[in-house]
Amino acid sequence: IGVSFAGDLISLFIYWELMALFSTVVVWSGGTPASRAAGIRY
């Protein structure tokens, strides 16, 4: 949602990296060795 309303490249990049960080946590929440490995590659 932050990317959607970002009016400049710096704001866009900050929200962009917020997505990357917490989407990785969502992958890790699978709770298996495969999800942890996939999360690292992700």
PDB file of all heavy atoms in Angstrom:
ATOM      1  N   ILE A   1       0.843  -1.202   0.000  1.00  0.00           N
ATOM      2  CA  ILE A   1       0.000   0.000   0.000  1.00  0.00           C
ATOM      3  C   ILE A   1       0.877   1.250   0.000  1.00  0.00           C
ATOM      4  O   ILE A   1       0.559   2.255  -0.656  1.00  0.00           O
ATOM      5  CB  ILE A   1      -0.953  -0.025   1.208  1.00  0.00           C
ATOM      6  CG1 ILE A   1      -1.915  -1.204   1.092  1.00  0.00           C
ATOM      7  CG2 ILE A   1      -1.733   1.286   1.321  1.00  0.00           C
ATOM      8  CD1 ILE A   1      -2.707  -1.493   2.346  1.00  0.00           C
ATOM      9  N   GLY A   2       1.991   1.206   0.727  1.00  0.00           N
ATOM     10  CA  GLY A   2       2.909   2.332   0.724  1.00  0.00           C
ATOM     11  C   GLY A   2       3.500   2.592  -0.651  1.00  0.00           C
ATOM     12  O   GLY A   2       3.628   3.754  -1.077  1.00  0.00           O
ATOM     13  N   VAL A   3       3.865   1.534  -1.366  1.00  0.00           N
ATOM     14  CA  VAL A   3       4.359   1.688  -2.737  1.00  0.00           C
ATOM     15  C   VAL A   3       3.285   2.322  -3.618  1.00  0.00           C
ATOM     16  O   VAL A   3       3.579   3.166  -4.474  1.00  0.00           O
ATOM     17  CB  VAL A   3       4.806   0.329  -3.308  1.00  0.00           C
ATOM     18  CG1 VAL A   3       5.049   0.425  -4.813  1.00  0.00           C
ATOM     19  CG2 VAL A   3       6.067  -0.164  -2.615  1.00  0.00           C
ATOM     20  N   SER A   4       2.027   1.937  -3.395  1.00  0.00           N
ATOM     21  CA  SER A   4       0.940   2.455  -4.222  1.00  0.00           C
ATOM     22  C   SER A   4       0.857   3.975  -4.154  1.00  0.00           C
ATOM     23  O   SER A   4       0.578   4.631  -5.163  1.00  0.00           O
ATOM     24  CB  SER A   4      -0.397   1.843  -3.776  1.00  0.00           C
ATOM     25  OG  SER A   4      -0.380   0.441  -3.885  1.00  0.00           O
ATOM     26  N   PHE A   5       1.089   4.542  -2.980  1.00  0.00           N
ATOM     27  CA  PHE A   5       0.942   5.993  -2.817  1.00  0.00           C
ATOM     28  C   PHE A   5       2.274   6.745  -2.801  1.00  0.00           C
ATOM     29  O   PHE A   5       2.269   7.972  -2.662  1.00  0.00           O
ATOM     30  CB  PHE A   5       0.183   6.293  -1.523  1.00  0.00           C
ATOM     31  CG  PHE A   5      -1.285   6.007  -1.607  1.00  0.00           C
ATOM     32  CD1 PHE A   5      -1.870   5.047  -0.801  1.00  0.00           C
ATOM     33  CD2 PHE A   5      -2.090   6.691  -2.502  1.00  0.00           C
ATOM     34  CE1 PHE A   5      -3.233   4.772  -0.878  1.00  0.00           C
ATOM     35  CE2 PHE A   5      -3.455   6.438  -2.589  1.00  0.00           C
ATOM     36  CZ  PHE A   5      -4.026   5.471  -1.774  1.00  0.00           C
ATOM     37  N   ALA A   6       3.394   6.039  -2.927  1.00  0.00           N
ATOM     38  CA  ALA A   6       4.692   6.713  -2.866  1.00  0.00           C
ATOM     39  C   ALA A   6       4.823   7.700  -4.023  1.00  0.00           C
ATOM     40  O   ALA A   6       4.681   7.339  -5.190  1.00  0.00           O
ATOM     41  CB  ALA A   6       5.816   5.683  -2.911  1.00  0.00           C
ATOM     42  N   GLY A   7       5.113   8.959  -3.682  1.00  0.00           N
ATOM     43  CA  GLY A   7       5.212   9.990  -4.711  1.00  0.00           C
ATOM     44  C   GLY A   7       6.613  10.262  -5.188  1.00  0.00           C
ATOM     45  O   GLY A   7       6.809  11.084  -6.089  1.00  0.00           O
ATOM     46  N   ASP A   8       7.616   9.581  -4.613  1.00  0.00           N
ATOM     47  CA  ASP A   8       8.999   9.801  -5.024  1.00  0.00           C
ATOM     48  C   ASP A   8       9.746   8.475  -4.959  1.00  0.00           C
ATOM     49  O   ASP A   8       9.271   7.503  -4.351  1.00  0.00           O
ATOM     50  CB  ASP A   8       9.671  10.830  -4.119  1.00  0.00           C
ATOM     51  CG  ASP A   8       9.743  10.367  -2.674  1.00  0.00           C
ATOM     52  OD1 ASP A   8      10.734   9.720  -2.308  1.00  0.00           O
ATOM     53  OD2 ASP A   8       8.777  10.613  -1.927  1.00  0.00           O
ATOM     54  N   LEU A   9      10.926   8.442  -5.563  1.00  0.00           N
ATOM     55  CA  LEU A   9      11.684   7.195  -5.667  1.00  0.00           C
ATOM     56  C   LEU A   9      12.211   6.722  -4.321  1.00  0.00           C
ATOM     57  O   LEU A   9      12.324   5.522  -4.093  1.00  0.00           O
ATOM     58  CB  LEU A   9      12.844   7.392  -6.645  1.00  0.00           C
ATOM     59  CG  LEU A   9      12.447   7.614  -8.114  1.00  0.00           C
ATOM     60  CD1 LEU A   9      13.665   7.983  -8.943  1.00  0.00           C
ATOM     61  CD2 LEU A   9      11.770   6.380  -8.688  1.00  0.00           C
ATOM     62  N   ILE A  10      12.524   7.648  -3.418  1.00  0.00           N
ATOM     63  CA  ILE A  10      13.031   7.237  -2.105  1.00  0.00           C
ATOM     64  C   ILE A  10      11.938   6.571  -1.284  1.00  0.00           C
ATOM     65  O   ILE A  10      12.142   5.512  -0.674  1.00  0.00           O
ATOM     66  CB  ILE A  10      13.630   8.454  -1.365  1.00  0.00           C
ATOM     67  CG1 ILE A  10      14.874   8.957  -2.097  1.00  0.00           C
ATOM     68  CG2 ILE A  10      13.968   8.092   0.076  1.00  0.00           C
ATOM     69  CD1 ILE A  10      15.500  10.184  -1.479  1.00  0.00           C
ATOM     70  N   SER A  11      10.755   7.173  -1.246  1.00  0.00           N
ATOM     71  CA  SER A  11       9.637   6.555  -0.532  1.00  0.00           C
ATOM     72  C   SER A  11       9.302   5.192  -1.129  1.00  0.00           C
ATOM     73  O   SER A  11       9.057   4.219  -0.403  1.00  0.00           O
ATOM     74  CB  SER A  11       8.407   7.461  -0.583  1.00  0.00           C
ATOM     75  OG  SER A  11       8.648   8.684   0.055  1.00  0.00           O
ATOM     76  N   LEU A  12       9.303   5.118  -2.455  1.00  0.00           N
ATOM     77  CA  LEU A  12       9.013   3.850  -3.115  1.00  0.00           C
ATOM     78  C   LEU A  12      10.018   2.790  -2.692  1.00  0.00           C
ATOM     79  O   LEU A  12       9.645   1.650  -2.385  1.00  0.00           O
ATOM     80  CB  LEU A  12       9.027   4.048  -4.627  1.00  0.00           C
ATOM     81  CG  LEU A  12       8.659   2.830  -5.486  1.00  0.00           C
ATOM     82  CD1 LEU A  12       7.891   3.263  -6.738  1.00  0.00           C
ATOM     83  CD2 LEU A  12       9.893   2.039  -5.910  1.00  0.00           C
ATOM     84  N   PHE A  13      11.290   3.155  -2.661  1.00  0.00           N
ATOM     85  CA  PHE A  13      12.324   2.176  -2.320  1.00  0.00           C
ATOM     86  C   PHE A  13      12.187   1.703  -0.872  1.00  0.00           C
ATOM     87  O   PHE A  13      12.370   0.518  -0.586  1.00  0.00           O
ATOM     88  CB  PHE A  13      13.708   2.779  -2.539  1.00  0.00           C
ATOM     89  CG  PHE A  13      14.837   1.841  -2.202  1.00  0.00           C
ATOM     90  CD1 PHE A  13      15.182   0.825  -3.065  1.00  0.00           C
ATOM     91  CD2 PHE A  13      15.527   1.967  -0.998  1.00  0.00           C
ATOM     92  CE1 PHE A  13      16.209  -0.060  -2.746  1.00  0.00           C
ATOM     93  CE2 PHE A  13      16.550   1.097  -0.681  1.00  0.00           C
ATOM     94  CZ  PHE A  13      16.897   0.086  -1.560  1.00  0.00           C
ATOM     95  N   ILE A  14      11.867   2.607   0.042  1.00  0.00           N
ATOM     96  CA  ILE A  14      11.721   2.212   1.448  1.00  0.00           C
ATOM     97  C   ILE A  14      10.591   1.194   1.609  1.00  0.00           C
ATOM     98  O   ILE A  14      10.750   0.150   2.259  1.00  0.00           O
ATOM     99  CB  ILE A  14      11.473   3.457   2.322  1.00  0.00           C
ATOM    100  CG1 ILE A  14      12.730   4.333   2.360  1.00  0.00           C
ATOM    101  CG2 ILE A  14      11.051   3.049   3.733  1.00  0.00           C
ATOM    102  CD1 ILE A  14      12.530   5.663   3.044  1.00  0.00           C
ATOM    103  N   TYR A  15       9.438   1.480   1.021  1.00  0.00           N
ATOM    104  CA  TYR A  15       8.323   0.536   1.119  1.00  0.00           C
ATOM    105  C   TYR A  15       8.627  -0.753   0.358  1.00  0.00           C
ATOM    106  O   TYR A  15       8.189  -1.837   0.755  1.00  0.00           O
ATOM    107  CB  TYR A  15       7.047   1.183   0.587  1.00  0.00           C
ATOM    108  CG  TYR A  15       6.420   2.172   1.536  1.00  0.00           C
ATOM    109  CD1 TYR A  15       6.336   3.530   1.219  1.00  0.00           C
ATOM    110  CD2 TYR A  15       5.905   1.763   2.757  1.00  0.00           C
ATOM    111  CE1 TYR A  15       5.749   4.441   2.083  1.00  0.00           C
ATOM    112  CE2 TYR A  15       5.319   2.663   3.634  1.00  0.00           C
ATOM    113  CZ  TYR A  15       5.252   3.997   3.294  1.00  0.00           C
ATOM    114  OH  TYR A  15       4.675   4.900   4.161  1.00  0.00           O
ATOM    115  N   TRP A  16       9.370  -0.627  -0.725  1.00  0.00           N
ATOM    116  CA  TRP A  16       9.771  -1.794  -1.522  1.00  0.00           C
ATOM    117  C   TRP A  16      10.584  -2.772  -0.674  1.00  0.00           C
ATOM    118  O   TRP A  16      10.333  -3.989  -0.692  1.00  0.00           O
ATOM    119  CB  TRP A  16      10.595  -1.293  -2.710  1.00  0.00           C
ATOM    120  CG  TRP A  16      10.839  -2.229  -3.829  1.00  0.00           C
ATOM    121  CD1 TRP A  16      11.871  -3.120  -3.963  1.00  0.00           C
ATOM    122  CD2 TRP A  16      10.066  -2.367  -5.031  1.00  0.00           C
ATOM    123  NE1 TRP A  16      11.789  -3.788  -5.148  1.00  0.00           N
ATOM    124  CE2 TRP A  16      10.702  -3.346  -5.826  1.00  0.00           C
ATOM    125  CE3 TRP A  16       8.916  -1.740  -5.499  1.00  0.00           C
ATOM    126  CZ2 TRP A  16      10.197  -3.715  -7.081  1.00  0.00           C
ATOM    127  CZ3 TRP A  16       8.432  -2.117  -6.745  1.00  0.00           C
ATOM    128  CH2 TRP A  16       9.060  -3.090  -7.512  1.00  0.00           C
ATOM    129  N   GLU A  17      11.528  -2.240   0.070  1.00  0.00           N
ATOM    130  CA  GLU A  17      12.360  -3.100   0.914  1.00  0.00           C
ATOM    131  C   GLU A  17      11.584  -3.613   2.126  1.00  0.00           C
ATOM    132  O   GLU A  17      11.876  -4.707   2.624  1.00  0.00           O
ATOM    133  CB  GLU A  17      13.601  -2.324   1.365  1.00  0.00           C
ATOM    134  CG  GLU A  17      14.561  -2.032   0.229  1.00  0.00           C
ATOM    135  CD  GLU A  17      14.992  -3.291  -0.501  1.00  0.00           C
ATOM    136  OE1 GLU A  17      15.766  -4.075   0.078  1.00  0.00           O
ATOM    137  OE2 GLU A  17      14.541  -3.504  -1.646  1.00  0.00           O
ATOM    138  N   LEU A  18      10.618  -2.840   2.617  1.00  0.00           N
ATOM    139  CA  LEU A  18       9.747  -3.339   3.678  1.00  0.00           C
ATOM    140  C   LEU A  18       9.015  -4.598   3.217  1.00  0.00           C
ATOM    141  O   LEU A  18       8.905  -5.583   3.970  1.00  0.00           O
ATOM    142  CB  LEU A  18       8.740  -2.256   4.082  1.00  0.00           C
ATOM    143  CG  LEU A  18       7.788  -2.600   5.231  1.00  0.00           C
ATOM    144  CD1 LEU A  18       8.532  -2.633   6.561  1.00  0.00           C
ATOM    145  CD2 LEU A  18       6.644  -1.589   5.306  1.00  0.00           C
ATOM    146  N   MET A  19       8.546  -4.578   1.990  1.00  0.00           N
ATOM    147  CA  MET A  19       7.896  -5.759   1.430  1.00  0.00           C
ATOM    148  C   MET A  19       8.853  -6.942   1.360  1.00  0.00           C
ATOM    149  O   MET A  19       8.495  -8.073   1.727  1.00  0.00           O
ATOM    150  CB  MET A  19       7.364  -5.454   0.025  1.00  0.00           C
ATOM    151  CG  MET A  19       6.192  -4.519  -0.040  1.00  0.00           C
ATOM    152  SD  MET A  19       5.794  -4.124  -1.750  1.00  0.00           S
ATOM    153  CE  MET A  19       5.666  -5.757  -2.454  1.00  0.00           C
ATOM    154  N   ALA A  20      10.063  -6.703   0.869  1.00  0.00           N
ATOM    155  CA  ALA A  20      11.032  -7.787   0.726  1.00  0.00           C
ATOM    156  C   ALA A  20      11.358  -8.420   2.075  1.00  0.00           C
ATOM    157  O   ALA A  20      11.438  -9.656   2.193  1.00  0.00           O
ATOM    158  CB  ALA A  20      12.306  -7.261   0.068  1.00  0.00           C
ATOM    159  N   LEU A  21      11.521  -7.588   3.095  1.00  0.00           N
ATOM    160  CA  LEU A  21      11.872  -8.095   4.422  1.00  0.00           C
ATOM    161  C   LEU A  21      10.776  -8.975   4.999  1.00  0.00           C
ATOM    162  O   LEU A  21      11.021 -10.119   5.422  1.00  0.00           O
ATOM    163  CB  LEU A  21      12.158  -6.912   5.354  1.00  0.00           C
ATOM    164  CG  LEU A  21      12.417  -7.252   6.825  1.00  0.00           C
ATOM    165  CD1 LEU A  21      13.652  -8.121   6.962  1.00  0.00           C
ATOM    166  CD2 LEU A  21      12.581  -5.967   7.648  1.00  0.00           C
ATOM    167  N   PHE A  22       9.542  -8.479   4.999  1.00  0.00           N
ATOM    168  CA  PHE A  22       8.488  -9.209   5.704  1.00  0.00           C
ATOM    169  C   PHE A  22       7.849 -10.303   4.855  1.00  0.00           C
ATOM    170  O   PHE A  22       7.250 -11.226   5.410  1.00  0.00           O
ATOM    171  CB  PHE A  22       7.457  -8.223   6.255  1.00  0.00           C
ATOM    172  CG  PHE A  22       7.996  -7.443   7.415  1.00  0.00           C
ATOM    173  CD1 PHE A  22       8.446  -6.141   7.259  1.00  0.00           C
ATOM    174  CD2 PHE A  22       8.111  -8.031   8.656  1.00  0.00           C
ATOM    175  CE1 PHE A  22       8.968  -5.436   8.326  1.00  0.00           C
ATOM    176  CE2 PHE A  22       8.636  -7.336   9.737  1.00  0.00           C
ATOM    177  CZ  PHE A  22       9.069  -6.037   9.568  1.00  0.00           C
ATOM    178  N   SER A  23       7.973 -10.230   3.548  1.00  0.00           N
ATOM    179  CA  SER A  23       7.559 -11.386   2.743  1.00  0.00           C
ATOM    180  C   SER A  23       8.488 -12.565   3.006  1.00  0.00           C
ATOM    181  O   SER A  23       8.055 -13.728   2.991  1.00  0.00           O
ATOM    182  CB  SER A  23       7.537 -11.029   1.254  1.00  0.00           C
ATOM    183  OG  SER A  23       8.805 -10.590   0.805  1.00  0.00           O
ATOM    184  N   THR A  24       9.767 -12.285   3.276  1.00  0.00           N
ATOM    185  CA  THR A  24      10.689 -13.359   3.652  1.00  0.00           C
ATOM    186  C   THR A  24      10.255 -14.011   4.959  1.00  0.00           C
ATOM    187  O   THR A  24      10.301 -15.238   5.104  1.00  0.00           O
ATOM    188  CB  THR A  24      12.113 -12.794   3.796  1.00  0.00           C
ATOM    189  OG1 THR A  24      12.515 -12.184   2.559  1.00  0.00           O
ATOM    190  CG2 THR A  24      13.094 -13.895   4.156  1.00  0.00           C
ATOM    191  N   VAL A  25       9.814 -13.193   5.914  1.00  0.00           N
ATOM    192  CA  VAL A  25       9.327 -13.740   7.184  1.00  0.00           C
ATOM    193  C   VAL A  25       8.097 -14.611   6.948  1.00  0.00           C
ATOM    194  O   VAL A  25       7.936 -15.670   7.580  1.00  0.00           O
ATOM    195  CB  VAL A  25       9.014 -12.613   8.171  1.00  0.00           C
ATOM    196  CG1 VAL A  25       8.437 -13.171   9.471  1.00  0.00           C
ATOM    197  CG2 VAL A  25      10.262 -11.792   8.471  1.00  0.00           C
ATOM    198  N   VAL A  26       7.225 -14.203   6.024  1.00  0.00           N
ATOM    199  CA  VAL A  26       6.051 -15.023   5.706  1.00  0.00           C
ATOM    200  C   VAL A  26       6.488 -16.371   5.151  1.00  0.00           C
ATOM    201  O   VAL A  26       5.921 -17.418   5.499  1.00  0.00           O
ATOM    202  CB  VAL A  26       5.138 -14.282   4.701  1.00  0.00           C
ATOM    203  CG1 VAL A  26       4.003 -15.194   4.237  1.00  0.00           C
ATOM    204  CG2 VAL A  26       4.561 -13.020   5.337  1.00  0.00           C
ATOM    205  N   VAL A  27       7.493 -16.388   4.292  1.00  0.00           N
ATOM    206  CA  VAL A  27       8.000 -17.663   3.766  1.00  0.00           C
ATOM    207  C   VAL A  27       8.550 -18.508   4.906  1.00  0.00           C
ATOM    208  O   VAL A  27       8.252 -19.711   5.010  1.00  0.00           O
ATOM    209  CB  VAL A  27       9.079 -17.419   2.696  1.00  0.00           C
ATOM    210  CG1 VAL A  27       9.682 -18.745   2.229  1.00  0.00           C
ATOM    211  CG2 VAL A  27       8.501 -16.673   1.500  1.00  0.00           C
ATOM    212  N   TRP A  28       9.350 -17.916   5.773  1.00  0.00           N
ATOM    213  CA  TRP A  28       9.927 -18.664   6.905  1.00  0.00           C
ATOM    214  C   TRP A  28       8.864 -19.192   7.852  1.00  0.00           C
ATOM    215  O   TRP A  28       9.086 -20.182   8.556  1.00  0.00           O
ATOM    216  CB  TRP A  28      10.896 -17.766   7.674  1.00  0.00           C
ATOM    217  CG  TRP A  28      12.247 -17.679   7.028  1.00  0.00           C
ATOM    218  CD1 TRP A  28      12.837 -18.601   6.223  1.00  0.00           C
ATOM    219  CD2 TRP A  28      13.177 -16.600   7.141  1.00  0.00           C
ATOM    220  NE1 TRP A  28      14.077 -18.173   5.820  1.00  0.00           N
ATOM    221  CE2 TRP A  28      14.311 -16.955   6.370  1.00  0.00           C
ATOM    222  CE3 TRP A  28      13.162 -15.388   7.811  1.00  0.00           C
ATOM    223  CZ2 TRP A  28      15.423 -16.112   6.260  1.00  0.00           C
ATOM    224  CZ3 TRP A  28      14.268 -14.558   7.710  1.00  0.00           C
ATOM    225  CH2 TRP A  28      15.388 -14.917   6.936  1.00  0.00           C
ATOM    226  N   SER A  29       7.700 -18.562   7.867  1.00  0.00           N
ATOM    227  CA  SER A  29       6.642 -19.005   8.779  1.00  0.00           C
ATOM    228  C   SER A  29       6.079 -20.362   8.392  1.00  0.00           C
ATOM    229  O   SER A  29       5.260 -20.919   9.136  1.00  0.00           O
ATOM    230  CB  SER A  29       5.509 -17.965   8.817  1.00  0.00           C
ATOM    231  OG  SER A  29       5.963 -16.743   9.358  1.00  0.00           O
ATOM    232  N   GLY A  30       6.518 -20.895   7.253  1.00  0.00           N
ATOM    233  CA  GLY A  30       6.144 -22.267   6.922  1.00  0.00           C
ATOM    234  C   GLY A  30       6.625 -23.248   7.967  1.00  0.00           C
ATOM    235  O   GLY A  30       6.044 -24.329   8.139  1.00  0.00           O
ATOM    236  N   GLY A  31       7.718 -22.912   8.648  1.00  0.00           N
ATOM    237  CA  GLY A  31       8.164 -23.690   9.801  1.00  0.00           C
ATOM    238  C   GLY A  31       8.820 -25.009   9.490  1.00  0.00           C
ATOM    239  O   GLY A  31       8.939 -25.866  10.364  1.00  0.00           O
ATOM    240  N   THR A  32       9.289 -25.208   8.262  1.00  0.00           N
ATOM    241  CA  THR A  32       9.951 -26.448   7.877  1.00  0.00           C
ATOM    242  C   THR A  32      11.374 -26.137   7.415  1.00  0.00           C
ATOM    243  O   THR A  32      11.677 -24.991   7.051  1.00  0.00           O
ATOM    244  CB  THR A  32       9.198 -27.152   6.747  1.00  0.00           C
ATOM    245  OG1 THR A  32       9.229 -26.326   5.563  1.00  0.00           O
ATOM    246  CG2 THR A  32       7.744 -27.408   7.141  1.00  0.00           C
ATOM    247  N   PRO A  33      12.258 -27.136   7.400  1.00  0.00           N
ATOM    248  CA  PRO A  33      13.601 -26.888   6.845  1.00  0.00           C
ATOM    249  C   PRO A  33      13.549 -26.393   5.400  1.00  0.00           C
ATOM    250  O   PRO A  33      14.349 -25.538   5.012  1.00  0.00           O
ATOM    251  CB  PRO A  33      14.269 -28.266   6.946  1.00  0.00           C
ATOM    252  CG  PRO A  33      13.569 -28.947   8.080  1.00  0.00           C
ATOM    253  CD  PRO A  33      12.145 -28.480   8.006  1.00  0.00           C
ATOM    254  N   ALA A  34      12.598 -26.913   4.616  1.00  0.00           N
ATOM    255  CA  ALA A  34      12.478 -26.465   3.227  1.00  0.00           C
ATOM    256  C   ALA A  34      12.074 -25.002   3.148  1.00  0.00           C
ATOM    257  O   ALA A  34      12.569 -24.249   2.292  1.00  0.00           O
ATOM    258  CB  ALA A  34      11.459 -27.339   2.487  1.00  0.00           C
ATOM    259  N   SER A  35      11.167 -24.564   4.031  1.00  0.00           N
ATOM    260  CA  SER A  35      10.752 -23.155   4.007  1.00  0.00           C
ATOM    261  C   SER A  35      11.879 -22.248   4.464  1.00  0.00           C
ATOM    262  O   SER A  35      12.027 -21.130   3.943  1.00  0.00           O
ATOM    263  CB  SER A  35       9.513 -22.958   4.884  1.00  0.00           C
ATOM    264  OG  SER A  35       9.811 -23.158   6.257  1.00  0.00           O
ATOM    265  N   ARG A  36      12.678 -22.688   5.407  1.00  0.00           N
ATOM    266  CA  ARG A  36      13.809 -21.866   5.840  1.00  0.00           C
ATOM    267  C   ARG A  36      14.834 -21.714   4.721  1.00  0.00           C
ATOM    268  O   ARG A  36      15.351 -20.612   4.486  1.00  0.00           O
ATOM    269  CB  ARG A  36      14.449 -22.468   7.093  1.00  0.00           C
ATOM    270  CG  ARG A  36      13.588 -22.312   8.346  1.00  0.00           C
ATOM    271  CD  ARG A  36      14.358 -22.701   9.589  1.00  0.00           C
ATOM    272  NE  ARG A  36      14.565 -24.142   9.676  1.00  0.00           N
ATOM    273  CZ  ARG A  36      13.711 -24.981  10.234  1.00  0.00           C
ATOM    274  NH1 ARG A  36      12.580 -24.537  10.750  1.00  0.00           N
ATOM    275  NH2 ARG A  36      13.973 -26.271  10.290  1.00  0.00           N
ATOM    276  N   ALA A  37      15.129 -22.813   4.035  1.00  0.00           N
ATOM    277  CA  ALA A  37      16.083 -22.742   2.925  1.00  0.00           C
ATOM    278  C   ALA A  37      15.538 -21.884   1.791  1.00  0.00           C
ATOM    279  O   ALA A  37      16.248 -21.052   1.223  1.00  0.00           O
ATOM    280  CB  ALA A  37      16.406 -24.150   2.426  1.00  0.00           C
ATOM    281  N   ALA A  38      14.261 -22.079   1.463  1.00  0.00           N
ATOM    282  CA  ALA A  38      13.648 -21.279   0.401  1.00  0.00           C
ATOM    283  C   ALA A  38      13.604 -19.811   0.782  1.00  0.00           C
ATOM    284  O   ALA A  38      13.800 -18.926  -0.069  1.00  0.00           O
ATOM    285  CB  ALA A  38      12.236 -21.800   0.108  1.00  0.00           C
ATOM    286  N   GLY A  39      13.352 -19.531   2.066  1.00  0.00           N
ATOM    287  CA  GLY A  39      13.334 -18.145   2.525  1.00  0.00           C
ATOM    288  C   GLY A  39      14.685 -17.472   2.399  1.00  0.00           C
ATOM    289  O   GLY A  39      14.776 -16.286   2.040  1.00  0.00           O
ATOM    290  N   ILE A  40      15.753 -18.219   2.665  1.00  0.00           N
ATOM    291  CA  ILE A  40      17.097 -17.655   2.503  1.00  0.00           C
ATOM    292  C   ILE A  40      17.371 -17.330   1.038  1.00  0.00           C
ATOM    293  O   ILE A  40      17.866 -16.243   0.703  1.00  0.00           O
ATOM    294  CB  ILE A  40      18.152 -18.625   3.060  1.00  0.00           C
ATOM    295  CG1 ILE A  40      18.022 -18.720   4.589  1.00  0.00           C
ATOM    296  CG2 ILE A  40      19.559 -18.193   2.665  1.00  0.00           C
ATOM    297  CD1 ILE A  40      18.880 -19.789   5.216  1.00  0.00           C
ATOM    298  N   ARG A  41      17.039 -18.264   0.145  1.00  0.00           N
ATOM    299  CA  ARG A  41      17.236 -18.002  -1.289  1.00  0.00           C
ATOM    300  C   ARG A  41      16.377 -16.820  -1.738  1.00  0.00           C
ATOM    301  O   ARG A  41      16.809 -15.979  -2.533  1.00  0.00           O
ATOM    302  CB  ARG A  41      16.903 -19.250  -2.100  1.00  0.00           C
ATOM    303  CG  ARG A  41      17.832 -20.418  -1.847  1.00  0.00           C
ATOM    304  CD  ARG A  41      17.610 -21.552  -2.834  1.00  0.00           C
ATOM    305  NE  ARG A  41      16.330 -22.204  -2.647  1.00  0.00           N
ATOM    306  CZ  ARG A  41      16.140 -23.289  -1.891  1.00  0.00           C
ATOM    307  NH1 ARG A  41      17.158 -23.824  -1.236  1.00  0.00           N
ATOM    308  NH2 ARG A  41      14.940 -23.836  -1.774  1.00  0.00           N
ATOM    309  N   TYR A  42      15.146 -16.768  -1.245  1.00  0.00           N
ATOM    310  CA  TYR A  42      14.238 -15.668  -1.561  1.00  0.00           C
ATOM    311  C   TYR A  42      14.826 -14.331  -1.105  1.00  0.00           C
ATOM    312  O   TYR A  42      14.834 -13.344  -1.853  1.00  0.00           O
ATOM    313  CB  TYR A  42      12.904 -15.943  -0.861  1.00  0.00           C
ATOM    314  CG  TYR A  42      11.819 -14.908  -1.042  1.00  0.00           C
ATOM    315  CD1 TYR A  42      10.853 -15.058  -2.028  1.00  0.00           C
ATOM    316  CD2 TYR A  42      11.732 -13.807  -0.200  1.00  0.00           C
ATOM    317  CE1 TYR A  42       9.836 -14.124  -2.182  1.00  0.00           C
ATOM    318  CE2 TYR A  42      10.726 -12.864  -0.345  1.00  0.00           C
ATOM    319  CZ  TYR A  42       9.775 -13.041  -1.333  1.00  0.00           C
ATOM    320  OH  TYR A  42       8.772 -12.100  -1.483  1.00  0.00           O
TER     321      TYR A  42
END
